[in-house]
Amino acid sequence: MDELLAEPLERRLTDQTDGSHKGTNGWPYLLHSLLQNNNQSVDYTIMNFAVGAATILPGVNFRPYDNDCRSEQLKKSLPNFVFLAFGAMDSIAKAYTEEFFIDSYVKFIKEA
């Protein structure tokens, strides 16, 4: 694992151009390092638009991802690939149903 940490911790936690983002345990940075170290013929750009404890469900009052500027930044970045991880906060929302969650997730994927 040490060979993946090509940059000092301080850089990984402050420079978001390689996908790092303070508070997300650096996994985007590790993904960037893996891609760069294993295929140097392609220049990868990893961008991290994470919002901790956000929800994908519209109309929920607790940290809706769609109301955060990072949601708009993600959509404007015109990504080739998007990794999404929602569900923990969604499942405890009063408005949660499996169908509502799936519909919300699919709608967001189409928009991104």
N, C-alpha and C. Protein backbone atom coordinates (compact mmCIF):
# COMPACT_ATOMS: atom_id res chain seq x y z
N MET A 1 0.81 -1.19 0.00
CA MET A 1 0.00 0.00 0.00
C MET A 1 0.86 1.26 0.00
N ASP A 2 2.02 1.24 0.62
CA ASP A 2 2.86 2.42 0.66
C ASP A 2 3.27 2.89 -0.72
N GLU A 3 3.40 1.97 -1.68
CA GLU A 3 3.80 2.39 -3.02
C GLU A 3 2.71 3.21 -3.70
N LEU A 4 1.45 3.12 -3.22
CA LEU A 4 0.37 3.91 -3.79
C LEU A 4 0.42 5.35 -3.32
N LEU A 5 0.99 5.59 -2.18
CA LEU A 5 1.01 6.92 -1.60
C LEU A 5 2.19 7.71 -2.15
N ALA A 6 2.06 8.10 -3.41
CA ALA A 6 3.15 8.78 -4.09
C ALA A 6 3.36 10.20 -3.58
N GLU A 7 2.34 10.80 -2.99
CA GLU A 7 2.43 12.17 -2.51
C GLU A 7 2.30 12.19 -0.99
N PRO A 8 2.86 13.18 -0.33
CA PRO A 8 2.71 13.29 1.12
C PRO A 8 1.24 13.47 1.50
N LEU A 9 0.91 13.07 2.70
CA LEU A 9 -0.47 13.16 3.19
C LEU A 9 -1.01 14.57 3.07
N GLU A 10 -0.21 15.58 3.39
CA GLU A 10 -0.69 16.96 3.35
C GLU A 10 -1.18 17.33 1.94
N ARG A 11 -0.47 16.88 0.92
CA ARG A 11 -0.89 17.18 -0.46
C ARG A 11 -2.15 16.44 -0.82
N ARG A 12 -2.23 15.18 -0.40
CA ARG A 12 -3.42 14.39 -0.72
C ARG A 12 -4.67 14.99 -0.09
N LEU A 13 -4.55 15.65 1.04
CA LEU A 13 -5.71 16.19 1.71
C LEU A 13 -6.08 17.59 1.25
N THR A 14 -5.25 18.22 0.44
CA THR A 14 -5.55 19.59 0.05
C THR A 14 -5.70 19.78 -1.46
N ASP A 15 -5.11 18.95 -2.28
CA ASP A 15 -5.13 19.15 -3.72
C ASP A 15 -6.23 18.30 -4.34
N GLN A 16 -7.33 18.93 -4.73
CA GLN A 16 -8.46 18.19 -5.26
C GLN A 16 -8.33 17.88 -6.75
N THR A 17 -7.31 18.38 -7.42
CA THR A 17 -7.18 18.10 -8.85
C THR A 17 -6.85 16.64 -9.12
N ASP A 18 -6.37 15.92 -8.13
CA ASP A 18 -6.09 14.51 -8.32
C ASP A 18 -7.15 13.64 -7.67
N GLY A 19 -8.25 14.25 -7.24
CA GLY A 19 -9.34 13.48 -6.65
C GLY A 19 -9.33 13.42 -5.15
N SER A 20 -8.30 13.96 -4.52
CA SER A 20 -8.27 13.90 -3.06
C SER A 20 -9.25 14.93 -2.50
N HIS A 21 -9.71 14.67 -1.32
CA HIS A 21 -10.67 15.56 -0.68
C HIS A 21 -10.63 15.29 0.81
N LYS A 22 -10.29 16.28 1.57
CA LYS A 22 -10.19 16.09 3.01
C LYS A 22 -11.50 15.52 3.56
N GLY A 23 -11.40 14.50 4.36
CA GLY A 23 -12.57 13.92 5.00
C GLY A 23 -13.13 12.70 4.31
N THR A 24 -12.63 12.33 3.14
CA THR A 24 -13.17 11.14 2.47
C THR A 24 -12.15 10.00 2.47
N ASN A 25 -11.21 10.04 3.39
CA ASN A 25 -10.22 8.98 3.58
C ASN A 25 -9.31 8.75 2.38
N GLY A 26 -9.31 9.66 1.43
CA GLY A 26 -8.35 9.62 0.35
C GLY A 26 -8.55 8.55 -0.71
N TRP A 27 -9.68 7.85 -0.74
CA TRP A 27 -9.83 6.79 -1.73
C TRP A 27 -9.78 7.31 -3.17
N PRO A 28 -10.31 8.51 -3.48
CA PRO A 28 -10.16 9.01 -4.86
C PRO A 28 -8.69 9.20 -5.22
N TYR A 29 -7.88 9.66 -4.27
CA TYR A 29 -6.45 9.80 -4.52
C TYR A 29 -5.82 8.44 -4.79
N LEU A 30 -6.21 7.44 -4.02
CA LEU A 30 -5.66 6.10 -4.23
C LEU A 30 -6.07 5.56 -5.60
N LEU A 31 -7.31 5.81 -6.01
CA LEU A 31 -7.76 5.39 -7.34
C LEU A 31 -6.91 6.09 -8.41
N HIS A 32 -6.70 7.39 -8.25
CA HIS A 32 -5.87 8.13 -9.20
C HIS A 32 -4.46 7.54 -9.28
N SER A 33 -3.89 7.23 -8.12
CA SER A 33 -2.54 6.65 -8.08
C SER A 33 -2.50 5.30 -8.79
N LEU A 34 -3.50 4.47 -8.53
CA LEU A 34 -3.55 3.16 -9.20
C LEU A 34 -3.63 3.31 -10.71
N LEU A 35 -4.51 4.19 -11.18
CA LEU A 35 -4.66 4.39 -12.62
C LEU A 35 -3.38 4.93 -13.24
N GLN A 36 -2.78 5.91 -12.62
CA GLN A 36 -1.55 6.51 -13.15
C GLN A 36 -0.38 5.53 -13.12
N ASN A 37 -0.27 4.74 -12.07
CA ASN A 37 0.85 3.81 -11.95
C ASN A 37 0.71 2.59 -12.86
N ASN A 38 -0.51 2.24 -13.23
CA ASN A 38 -0.72 1.02 -14.02
C ASN A 38 -1.01 1.28 -15.49
N ASN A 39 -1.19 2.52 -15.89
CA ASN A 39 -1.42 2.83 -17.30
C ASN A 39 -0.93 4.26 -17.54
N GLN A 40 0.34 4.41 -17.77
CA GLN A 40 0.91 5.74 -17.91
C GLN A 40 0.70 6.35 -19.29
N SER A 41 0.07 5.62 -20.19
CA SER A 41 -0.19 6.17 -21.52
C SER A 41 -1.45 7.03 -21.55
N VAL A 42 -2.22 6.99 -20.49
CA VAL A 42 -3.45 7.79 -20.41
C VAL A 42 -3.33 8.74 -19.23
N ASP A 43 -3.72 9.99 -19.44
CA ASP A 43 -3.70 10.96 -18.36
C ASP A 43 -5.08 11.02 -17.73
N TYR A 44 -5.17 10.56 -16.50
CA TYR A 44 -6.44 10.52 -15.79
C TYR A 44 -6.61 11.77 -14.95
N THR A 45 -7.83 12.27 -14.89
CA THR A 45 -8.18 13.33 -13.97
C THR A 45 -9.31 12.82 -13.10
N ILE A 46 -9.06 12.78 -11.82
CA ILE A 46 -10.06 12.35 -10.86
C ILE A 46 -10.56 13.59 -10.14
N MET A 47 -11.86 13.80 -10.13
CA MET A 47 -12.44 14.93 -9.43
C MET A 47 -13.38 14.39 -8.34
N ASN A 48 -13.30 14.97 -7.19
CA ASN A 48 -14.09 14.50 -6.06
C ASN A 48 -15.11 15.56 -5.68
N PHE A 49 -16.39 15.24 -5.86
CA PHE A 49 -17.46 16.16 -5.52
C PHE A 49 -18.29 15.60 -4.37
N ALA A 50 -17.63 14.94 -3.45
CA ALA A 50 -18.31 14.28 -2.34
C ALA A 50 -18.87 15.28 -1.34
N VAL A 51 -20.00 14.90 -0.77
CA VAL A 51 -20.63 15.64 0.33
C VAL A 51 -20.97 14.59 1.38
N GLY A 52 -20.30 14.65 2.50
CA GLY A 52 -20.53 13.67 3.54
C GLY A 52 -21.96 13.73 4.07
N ALA A 53 -22.53 12.56 4.29
CA ALA A 53 -23.86 12.41 4.87
C ALA A 53 -24.95 13.09 4.05
N ALA A 54 -24.79 13.14 2.74
CA ALA A 54 -25.81 13.74 1.87
C ALA A 54 -26.83 12.69 1.46
N THR A 55 -27.96 13.17 1.01
CA THR A 55 -29.03 12.28 0.54
C THR A 55 -29.31 12.55 -0.93
N ILE A 56 -29.74 11.55 -1.64
CA ILE A 56 -30.07 11.68 -3.06
C ILE A 56 -31.58 11.94 -3.24
N LEU A 57 -32.34 11.76 -2.18
CA LEU A 57 -33.79 11.92 -2.26
C LEU A 57 -34.18 13.39 -2.34
N PRO A 58 -34.95 13.78 -3.37
CA PRO A 58 -35.40 15.17 -3.44
C PRO A 58 -36.45 15.45 -2.37
N GLY A 59 -36.48 16.66 -1.89
CA GLY A 59 -37.49 17.05 -0.92
C GLY A 59 -37.18 16.67 0.52
N VAL A 60 -36.03 16.04 0.76
CA VAL A 60 -35.63 15.69 2.12
C VAL A 60 -34.84 16.86 2.68
N ASN A 61 -35.13 17.24 3.91
CA ASN A 61 -34.53 18.44 4.49
C ASN A 61 -33.11 18.26 4.99
N PHE A 62 -32.61 17.04 5.11
CA PHE A 62 -31.27 16.84 5.64
C PHE A 62 -30.27 16.65 4.52
N ARG A 63 -29.45 17.64 4.25
CA ARG A 63 -28.35 17.62 3.27
C ARG A 63 -28.69 16.99 1.91
N PRO A 64 -29.64 17.52 1.19
CA PRO A 64 -29.89 16.98 -0.15
C PRO A 64 -28.72 17.32 -1.07
N TYR A 65 -28.18 16.32 -1.73
CA TYR A 65 -27.01 16.50 -2.59
C TYR A 65 -27.31 17.48 -3.71
N ASP A 66 -28.50 17.45 -4.23
CA ASP A 66 -28.87 18.33 -5.34
C ASP A 66 -28.82 19.81 -4.96
N ASN A 67 -28.93 20.13 -3.68
CA ASN A 67 -28.87 21.53 -3.24
C ASN A 67 -27.44 22.00 -2.99
N ASP A 68 -26.47 21.13 -3.11
CA ASP A 68 -25.07 21.49 -2.86
C ASP A 68 -24.41 21.89 -4.18
N CYS A 69 -23.54 22.88 -4.13
CA CYS A 69 -22.87 23.35 -5.36
C CYS A 69 -22.04 22.25 -6.00
N ARG A 70 -21.59 21.26 -5.22
CA ARG A 70 -20.78 20.18 -5.79
C ARG A 70 -21.59 19.31 -6.74
N SER A 71 -22.89 19.24 -6.53
CA SER A 71 -23.75 18.50 -7.46
C SER A 71 -23.72 19.17 -8.83
N GLU A 72 -23.84 20.47 -8.84
CA GLU A 72 -23.78 21.23 -10.10
C GLU A 72 -22.40 21.13 -10.74
N GLN A 73 -21.34 21.20 -9.91
CA GLN A 73 -19.98 21.07 -10.43
C GLN A 73 -19.79 19.71 -11.09
N LEU A 74 -20.31 18.66 -10.48
CA LEU A 74 -20.22 17.32 -11.07
C LEU A 74 -20.87 17.30 -12.44
N LYS A 75 -22.07 17.83 -12.54
CA LYS A 75 -22.80 17.81 -13.82
C LYS A 75 -22.08 18.63 -14.89
N LYS A 76 -21.49 19.76 -14.50
CA LYS A 76 -20.79 20.62 -15.46
C LYS A 76 -19.43 20.06 -15.87
N SER A 77 -18.89 19.12 -15.11
CA SER A 77 -17.57 18.57 -15.43
C SER A 77 -17.61 17.60 -16.61
N LEU A 78 -18.79 17.21 -17.05
CA LEU A 78 -18.98 16.28 -18.17
C LEU A 78 -18.11 15.02 -18.00
N PRO A 79 -18.33 14.28 -16.93
CA PRO A 79 -17.47 13.13 -16.63
C PRO A 79 -17.68 11.96 -17.59
N ASN A 80 -16.64 11.17 -17.76
CA ASN A 80 -16.76 9.92 -18.50
C ASN A 80 -17.24 8.79 -17.60
N PHE A 81 -16.83 8.83 -16.35
CA PHE A 81 -17.22 7.84 -15.36
C PHE A 81 -17.59 8.56 -14.07
N VAL A 82 -18.58 8.04 -13.37
CA VAL A 82 -19.00 8.60 -12.10
C VAL A 82 -19.16 7.47 -11.10
N PHE A 83 -18.56 7.61 -9.94
CA PHE A 83 -18.75 6.67 -8.84
C PHE A 83 -19.66 7.35 -7.83
N LEU A 84 -20.79 6.73 -7.55
CA LEU A 84 -21.74 7.29 -6.60
C LEU A 84 -21.91 6.35 -5.42
N ALA A 85 -22.12 6.94 -4.26
CA ALA A 85 -22.38 6.13 -3.06
C ALA A 85 -23.40 6.86 -2.21
N PHE A 86 -24.63 6.50 -2.36
CA PHE A 86 -25.72 7.06 -1.55
C PHE A 86 -26.44 5.90 -0.88
N GLY A 87 -27.20 6.20 0.12
CA GLY A 87 -28.05 5.18 0.72
C GLY A 87 -28.11 5.23 2.23
N ALA A 88 -27.00 5.53 2.89
CA ALA A 88 -27.00 5.51 4.36
C ALA A 88 -27.96 6.54 4.92
N MET A 89 -27.89 7.76 4.45
CA MET A 89 -28.79 8.81 4.95
C MET A 89 -30.17 8.66 4.34
N ASP A 90 -30.25 8.16 3.11
CA ASP A 90 -31.54 8.00 2.45
C ASP A 90 -32.43 7.00 3.18
N SER A 91 -31.82 5.93 3.65
CA SER A 91 -32.61 4.85 4.25
C SER A 91 -33.24 5.23 5.58
N ILE A 92 -32.75 6.30 6.22
CA ILE A 92 -33.36 6.71 7.48
C ILE A 92 -34.33 7.87 7.31
N ALA A 93 -34.48 8.38 6.09
CA ALA A 93 -35.42 9.47 5.83
C ALA A 93 -36.85 8.96 5.92
N LYS A 94 -37.73 9.79 6.45
CA LYS A 94 -39.14 9.40 6.57
C LYS A 94 -39.78 9.16 5.21
N ALA A 95 -39.29 9.86 4.19
CA ALA A 95 -39.84 9.73 2.84
C ALA A 95 -39.31 8.51 2.10
N TYR A 96 -38.39 7.75 2.72
CA TYR A 96 -37.73 6.65 2.03
C TYR A 96 -38.68 5.51 1.70
N THR A 97 -38.62 5.11 0.45
CA THR A 97 -39.15 3.83 -0.01
C THR A 97 -38.14 3.33 -1.03
N GLU A 98 -38.09 2.05 -1.22
CA GLU A 98 -37.13 1.51 -2.18
C GLU A 98 -37.36 2.08 -3.57
N GLU A 99 -38.63 2.19 -3.97
CA GLU A 99 -38.95 2.71 -5.30
C GLU A 99 -38.53 4.18 -5.43
N PHE A 100 -38.78 5.00 -4.40
CA PHE A 100 -38.40 6.41 -4.42
C PHE A 100 -36.89 6.56 -4.50
N PHE A 101 -36.17 5.73 -3.75
CA PHE A 101 -34.71 5.77 -3.77
C PHE A 101 -34.18 5.41 -5.16
N ILE A 102 -34.67 4.33 -5.73
CA ILE A 102 -34.21 3.89 -7.06
C ILE A 102 -34.52 4.95 -8.11
N ASP A 103 -35.75 5.48 -8.09
CA ASP A 103 -36.13 6.51 -9.06
C ASP A 103 -35.24 7.75 -8.93
N SER A 104 -34.95 8.16 -7.69
CA SER A 104 -34.10 9.33 -7.46
C SER A 104 -32.68 9.09 -7.94
N TYR A 105 -32.16 7.91 -7.67
CA TYR A 105 -30.80 7.55 -8.08
C TYR A 105 -30.69 7.52 -9.60
N VAL A 106 -31.65 6.88 -10.26
CA VAL A 106 -31.64 6.78 -11.73
C VAL A 106 -31.74 8.17 -12.36
N LYS A 107 -32.60 9.02 -11.82
CA LYS A 107 -32.73 10.39 -12.33
C LYS A 107 -31.41 11.15 -12.20
N PHE A 108 -30.75 11.01 -11.05
CA PHE A 108 -29.50 11.72 -10.85
C PHE A 108 -28.43 11.20 -11.82
N ILE A 109 -28.36 9.89 -12.02
CA ILE A 109 -27.38 9.31 -12.95
C ILE A 109 -27.59 9.86 -14.36
N LYS A 110 -28.82 9.94 -14.79
CA LYS A 110 -29.11 10.47 -16.13
C LYS A 110 -28.69 11.93 -16.26
N GLU A 111 -28.84 12.69 -15.18
CA GLU A 111 -28.46 14.11 -15.20
C GLU A 111 -26.95 14.30 -15.15
N ALA A 112 -26.25 13.37 -14.49
CA ALA A 112 -24.80 13.51 -14.36
C ALA A 112 -24.14 13.10 -15.64
